[in-house]
Amino acid sequence: MARFKVILEYEGTRFSGWQIQNNARTIQGEILRVAQEIFQTRTIEIYGSGRTDAGVHALYQIAHLDVETVLAPEIIRMKLNDELPPDINIIEVEKAPKTFHARHDAVARSYLYQISRRRTAFGKRFVWWIKDPLDVPSMNSVLPLFEGMKNFQSFTADDPEEKSTAVLIERMRIAESGELILVRIEGSHFLWKMIRQMIGILVEVGRGKMKKNEIEQLLRTHSDKPARYTAPPSGLFLERVYYKGEKRLEKIEPVLQIHS
């Protein structure tokens, strides 16, 4: 059985997330279906670096593929892309050591969220359009509250009784590009709906409807308030998955440009 590292991108609009599910169209499920046809075997495993929710996109998802084959990595890439739907694209396939694990070996992930200040004819599936004016300096001022090892029990749909809600947020940054407000969140891992709830709270700060002390309170005690402000999945992208020794992205680039 050979192991391959697979780098891929996808538009998540028409999928029920990454993880394979019964009676639902998922990224993992589509790749597995196509791989079984190509390799003519059901003895195939594919593991992602992490799950993305329904409607969430990926610019650079990492997976590992286990299959018995003599095909070269580049031939595997081409054969997969020939059969996959156009909203999933395999960027690269490379031979990997048997010990490589896409999820367990990852040391950090970064996500990008795109907020649009105006209605757009072209980017609806890739942004959250906010009609209200947003105070970006105010949003910037609360970012340090989220950084470091914090308990995000108020910012997830996961059950704190079933899994740890402690997450290390390494960096949060905001940039502006044309009519877009871009938020990058970089951390060890993320909980279910955590980023979208954080973005929702940031937007409330930008609207002037939430203050610093309220966020501090949300991080101290459990509250269901962030769930009421959950941002839509359309603006969220898994931007990068990092492994030991890899250089971190610095410049924040929009996925598409929306001009003034």
Protein backbone atom coordinates (compact mmCIF):
# COMPACT_ATOMS: atom_id res chain seq x y z
CA MET A 1 0.00 0.00 0.00
CA ALA A 2 1.48 3.34 -1.08
CA ARG A 3 0.81 6.66 0.64
CA PHE A 4 0.46 9.94 -1.23
CA LYS A 5 0.16 13.53 -0.04
CA VAL A 6 -2.66 15.27 -1.91
CA ILE A 7 -2.99 19.06 -2.13
CA LEU A 8 -6.40 20.22 -3.31
CA GLU A 9 -8.79 23.15 -3.56
CA TYR A 10 -12.56 23.22 -3.70
CA GLU A 11 -15.57 25.47 -3.81
CA GLY A 12 -17.76 24.19 -1.00
CA THR A 13 -21.08 25.77 -2.06
CA ARG A 14 -22.64 22.56 -3.38
CA PHE A 15 -21.15 20.19 -0.79
CA SER A 16 -22.17 19.13 2.71
CA GLY A 17 -18.63 19.69 3.97
CA TRP A 18 -15.48 17.59 3.77
CA GLN A 19 -16.34 14.47 5.73
CA ILE A 20 -18.04 11.56 4.03
CA GLN A 21 -21.71 11.15 5.00
CA ASN A 22 -24.53 8.85 4.06
CA ASN A 23 -26.96 10.41 1.57
CA ALA A 24 -24.98 13.65 1.27
CA ARG A 25 -22.51 14.98 -1.31
CA THR A 26 -19.14 15.67 0.33
CA ILE A 27 -15.59 16.41 -0.82
CA GLN A 28 -14.11 13.28 0.74
CA GLY A 29 -16.95 11.19 -0.66
CA GLU A 30 -16.46 12.49 -4.22
CA ILE A 31 -12.70 11.86 -4.16
CA LEU A 32 -13.16 8.37 -2.73
CA ARG A 33 -15.80 7.52 -5.36
CA VAL A 34 -13.57 8.67 -8.21
CA ALA A 35 -10.47 6.98 -6.78
CA GLN A 36 -12.30 3.65 -6.50
CA GLU A 37 -13.20 3.89 -10.18
CA ILE A 38 -9.66 4.81 -11.25
CA PHE A 39 -7.86 2.18 -9.18
CA GLN A 40 -10.60 -0.45 -9.56
CA THR A 41 -10.58 -1.27 -5.85
CA ARG A 42 -12.52 -0.37 -2.75
CA THR A 43 -9.39 -0.76 -0.61
CA ILE A 44 -8.64 2.97 -0.55
CA GLU A 45 -8.36 5.39 2.35
CA ILE A 46 -8.29 9.17 2.18
CA TYR A 47 -7.87 11.38 5.26
CA GLY A 48 -8.05 15.18 5.32
CA SER A 49 -6.09 17.56 7.53
CA GLY A 50 -9.41 18.58 9.06
CA ARG A 51 -13.10 18.94 8.32
CA THR A 52 -14.68 21.92 6.65
CA ASP A 53 -18.37 22.61 7.21
CA ALA A 54 -21.09 22.63 4.56
CA GLY A 55 -20.58 25.55 2.17
CA VAL A 56 -17.03 26.32 3.33
CA HIS A 57 -14.28 26.48 0.69
CA ALA A 58 -10.61 25.44 0.66
CA LEU A 59 -7.72 27.10 -1.11
CA TYR A 60 -5.16 24.56 0.12
CA GLN A 61 -6.55 21.49 1.83
CA ILE A 62 -4.16 18.60 2.51
CA ALA A 63 -5.09 14.92 2.51
CA HIS A 64 -3.25 11.63 2.41
CA LEU A 65 -4.29 8.82 0.11
CA ASP A 66 -3.52 5.13 0.71
CA VAL A 67 -3.83 2.87 -2.32
CA GLU A 68 -2.06 -0.06 -3.97
CA THR A 69 -0.80 1.31 -7.32
CA VAL A 70 2.22 1.62 -9.60
CA LEU A 71 0.94 4.89 -11.10
CA ALA A 72 3.21 7.94 -10.77
CA PRO A 73 1.92 10.84 -8.63
CA GLU A 74 1.43 13.15 -11.63
CA ILE A 75 -0.62 10.49 -13.46
CA ILE A 76 -2.78 10.05 -10.35
CA ARG A 77 -3.35 13.83 -10.23
CA MET A 78 -4.40 13.97 -13.88
CA LYS A 79 -6.67 10.93 -13.64
CA LEU A 80 -8.43 12.28 -10.54
CA ASN A 81 -8.96 15.69 -12.14
CA ASP A 82 -10.32 14.10 -15.31
CA GLU A 83 -13.13 12.50 -13.28
CA LEU A 84 -13.77 14.96 -10.44
CA PRO A 85 -16.45 17.65 -10.73
CA PRO A 86 -15.16 21.12 -11.67
CA ASP A 87 -15.59 22.50 -8.13
CA ILE A 88 -12.87 20.14 -6.81
CA ASN A 89 -9.34 20.42 -8.17
CA ILE A 90 -6.25 18.39 -7.25
CA ILE A 91 -3.32 20.82 -7.26
CA GLU A 92 -0.56 18.31 -6.57
CA VAL A 93 0.04 14.67 -5.65
CA GLU A 94 3.37 13.55 -4.20
CA LYS A 95 4.73 10.35 -2.71
CA ALA A 96 4.68 10.46 1.10
CA PRO A 97 6.30 8.35 3.80
CA LYS A 98 4.05 5.75 5.46
CA THR A 99 4.35 7.73 8.70
CA PHE A 100 2.89 10.95 7.22
CA HIS A 101 -0.59 11.80 8.48
CA ALA A 102 -2.43 14.79 7.01
CA ARG A 103 -4.24 15.65 10.25
CA HIS A 104 -1.95 14.45 13.05
CA ASP A 105 1.21 15.97 11.56
CA ALA A 106 -0.30 19.40 10.93
CA VAL A 107 0.98 22.00 13.40
CA ALA A 108 -1.35 24.87 12.43
CA ARG A 109 -4.12 25.94 10.09
CA SER A 110 -5.10 29.34 8.77
CA TYR A 111 -8.53 30.40 7.62
CA LEU A 112 -9.52 33.46 5.60
CA TYR A 113 -12.90 35.16 5.88
CA GLN A 114 -14.11 37.69 3.28
CA ILE A 115 -16.62 40.40 4.19
CA SER A 116 -17.93 42.63 1.39
CA ARG A 117 -18.99 46.21 1.97
CA ARG A 118 -21.19 46.14 -1.12
CA ARG A 119 -23.54 43.84 -2.98
CA THR A 120 -21.68 41.96 -5.70
CA ALA A 121 -22.93 40.23 -8.82
CA PHE A 122 -19.93 37.89 -9.02
CA GLY A 123 -18.82 37.03 -5.53
CA LYS A 124 -21.98 36.15 -3.61
CA ARG A 125 -20.76 32.58 -2.99
CA PHE A 126 -17.43 33.84 -1.64
CA VAL A 127 -18.30 36.74 0.68
CA TRP A 128 -20.62 37.88 3.43
CA TRP A 129 -22.20 41.15 2.34
CA ILE A 130 -22.72 43.47 5.31
CA LYS A 131 -24.97 46.43 4.55
CA ASP A 132 -24.09 48.34 7.73
CA PRO A 133 -20.88 50.39 7.82
CA LEU A 134 -18.16 48.58 9.80
CA ASP A 135 -15.54 50.27 11.98
CA VAL A 136 -12.41 48.29 11.07
CA PRO A 137 -10.14 49.94 13.72
CA SER A 138 -12.63 48.84 16.42
CA MET A 139 -12.59 45.30 15.02
CA ASN A 140 -8.79 45.36 15.02
CA SER A 141 -8.68 46.52 18.62
CA VAL A 142 -10.37 43.37 19.97
CA LEU A 143 -8.28 40.80 18.06
CA PRO A 144 -5.76 40.37 20.93
CA LEU A 145 -8.61 39.14 23.15
CA PHE A 146 -8.85 35.97 21.05
CA GLU A 147 -5.12 35.29 20.75
CA GLY A 148 -3.29 32.75 22.90
CA MET A 149 -4.63 29.58 24.52
CA LYS A 150 -8.27 30.31 25.34
CA ASN A 151 -11.41 28.36 26.16
CA PHE A 152 -13.78 28.80 23.20
CA GLN A 153 -16.73 26.99 24.79
CA SER A 154 -18.99 29.92 23.86
CA PHE A 155 -17.82 29.89 20.24
CA THR A 156 -18.68 26.39 19.09
CA ALA A 157 -21.53 24.01 18.43
CA ASP A 158 -19.38 21.19 19.87
CA ASP A 159 -20.38 19.83 23.27
CA PRO A 160 -17.80 20.97 25.89
CA GLU A 161 -18.69 17.83 27.88
CA GLU A 162 -17.50 15.61 25.02
CA LYS A 163 -14.32 17.34 23.84
CA SER A 164 -11.88 20.02 24.93
CA THR A 165 -12.79 23.53 23.85
CA ALA A 166 -9.30 24.93 24.53
CA VAL A 167 -7.72 26.23 21.32
CA LEU A 168 -4.46 28.08 20.68
CA ILE A 169 -5.02 31.07 18.40
CA GLU A 170 -1.57 32.10 17.20
CA ARG A 171 -2.48 35.18 15.16
CA MET A 172 -5.49 37.15 13.98
CA ARG A 173 -5.19 39.90 11.42
CA ILE A 174 -7.51 42.16 9.43
CA ALA A 175 -6.69 43.70 6.04
CA GLU A 176 -8.69 45.75 3.56
CA SER A 177 -8.70 45.25 -0.20
CA GLY A 178 -11.06 47.32 -2.32
CA GLU A 179 -14.54 46.72 -0.93
CA LEU A 180 -13.41 43.65 1.03
CA ILE A 181 -12.53 43.28 4.68
CA LEU A 182 -10.30 40.21 5.05
CA VAL A 183 -9.86 38.40 8.36
CA ARG A 184 -7.14 35.75 8.80
CA ILE A 185 -7.27 33.43 11.80
CA GLU A 186 -4.30 31.15 12.41
CA GLY A 187 -4.32 28.50 15.12
CA SER A 188 -3.57 24.97 16.24
CA HIS A 189 -7.01 23.65 15.27
CA PHE A 190 -10.60 24.85 15.26
CA LEU A 191 -13.90 23.71 16.71
CA TRP A 192 -17.17 23.23 14.86
CA LYS A 193 -18.52 26.64 13.73
CA MET A 194 -15.90 28.39 15.91
CA ILE A 195 -14.48 30.69 13.22
CA ARG A 196 -17.89 31.68 11.88
CA GLN A 197 -19.06 32.60 15.39
CA MET A 198 -15.88 34.61 16.02
CA ILE A 199 -16.43 36.47 12.73
CA GLY A 200 -20.05 37.15 13.70
CA ILE A 201 -18.94 38.72 16.99
CA LEU A 202 -16.24 40.77 15.20
CA VAL A 203 -18.91 42.14 12.87
CA GLU A 204 -21.03 43.15 15.86
CA VAL A 205 -18.01 45.06 17.18
CA GLY A 206 -17.64 46.73 13.78
CA ARG A 207 -21.30 47.71 13.87
CA GLY A 208 -20.77 49.30 17.29
CA LYS A 209 -23.16 46.85 18.95
CA MET A 210 -20.63 44.93 21.07
CA LYS A 211 -17.86 46.13 23.38
CA LYS A 212 -14.53 44.70 24.48
CA ASN A 213 -15.76 43.79 27.96
CA GLU A 214 -18.60 41.72 26.48
CA ILE A 215 -16.12 39.62 24.49
CA GLU A 216 -14.00 39.15 27.61
CA GLN A 217 -17.11 37.86 29.37
CA LEU A 218 -17.87 35.45 26.49
CA LEU A 219 -14.35 34.02 26.84
CA ARG A 220 -14.67 33.64 30.62
CA THR A 221 -18.02 31.90 30.90
CA HIS A 222 -20.21 29.75 28.69
CA SER A 223 -22.79 31.60 26.61
CA ASP A 224 -24.89 30.80 23.56
CA LYS A 225 -24.78 34.43 22.39
CA PRO A 226 -22.13 33.95 19.63
CA ALA A 227 -24.29 31.25 18.03
CA ARG A 228 -26.93 33.91 17.30
CA TYR A 229 -24.38 35.84 15.22
CA THR A 230 -22.87 32.92 13.28
CA ALA A 231 -21.47 34.19 9.96
CA PRO A 232 -22.53 32.37 6.78
CA PRO A 233 -20.14 29.75 5.35
CA SER A 234 -19.91 31.53 1.98
CA GLY A 235 -17.09 33.85 3.06
CA LEU A 236 -14.91 31.21 4.75
CA PHE A 237 -11.87 29.54 3.18
CA LEU A 238 -9.39 27.04 4.59
CA GLU A 239 -6.38 29.04 3.45
CA ARG A 240 -3.38 26.89 4.42
CA VAL A 241 -2.37 23.84 6.45
CA TYR A 242 1.10 24.00 8.00
CA TYR A 243 3.54 21.23 8.81
CA LYS A 244 6.76 21.42 10.81
CA GLY A 245 9.28 23.83 9.30
CA GLU A 246 6.93 25.40 6.76
CA LYS A 247 6.97 29.18 6.38
CA ARG A 248 3.79 31.03 7.32
CA LEU A 249 1.92 33.29 4.92
CA GLU A 250 2.35 37.00 5.64
CA LYS A 251 0.44 39.01 3.04
CA ILE A 252 -3.34 38.61 3.12
CA GLU A 253 -4.66 38.19 -0.42
CA PRO A 254 -8.34 38.26 -1.44
CA VAL A 255 -9.74 35.31 -3.34
CA LEU A 256 -11.44 37.75 -5.69
CA GLN A 257 -11.27 41.52 -5.95
CA ILE A 258 -14.36 43.66 -5.45
CA HIS A 259 -13.62 47.22 -6.49
CA SER A 260 -15.21 50.35 -5.11
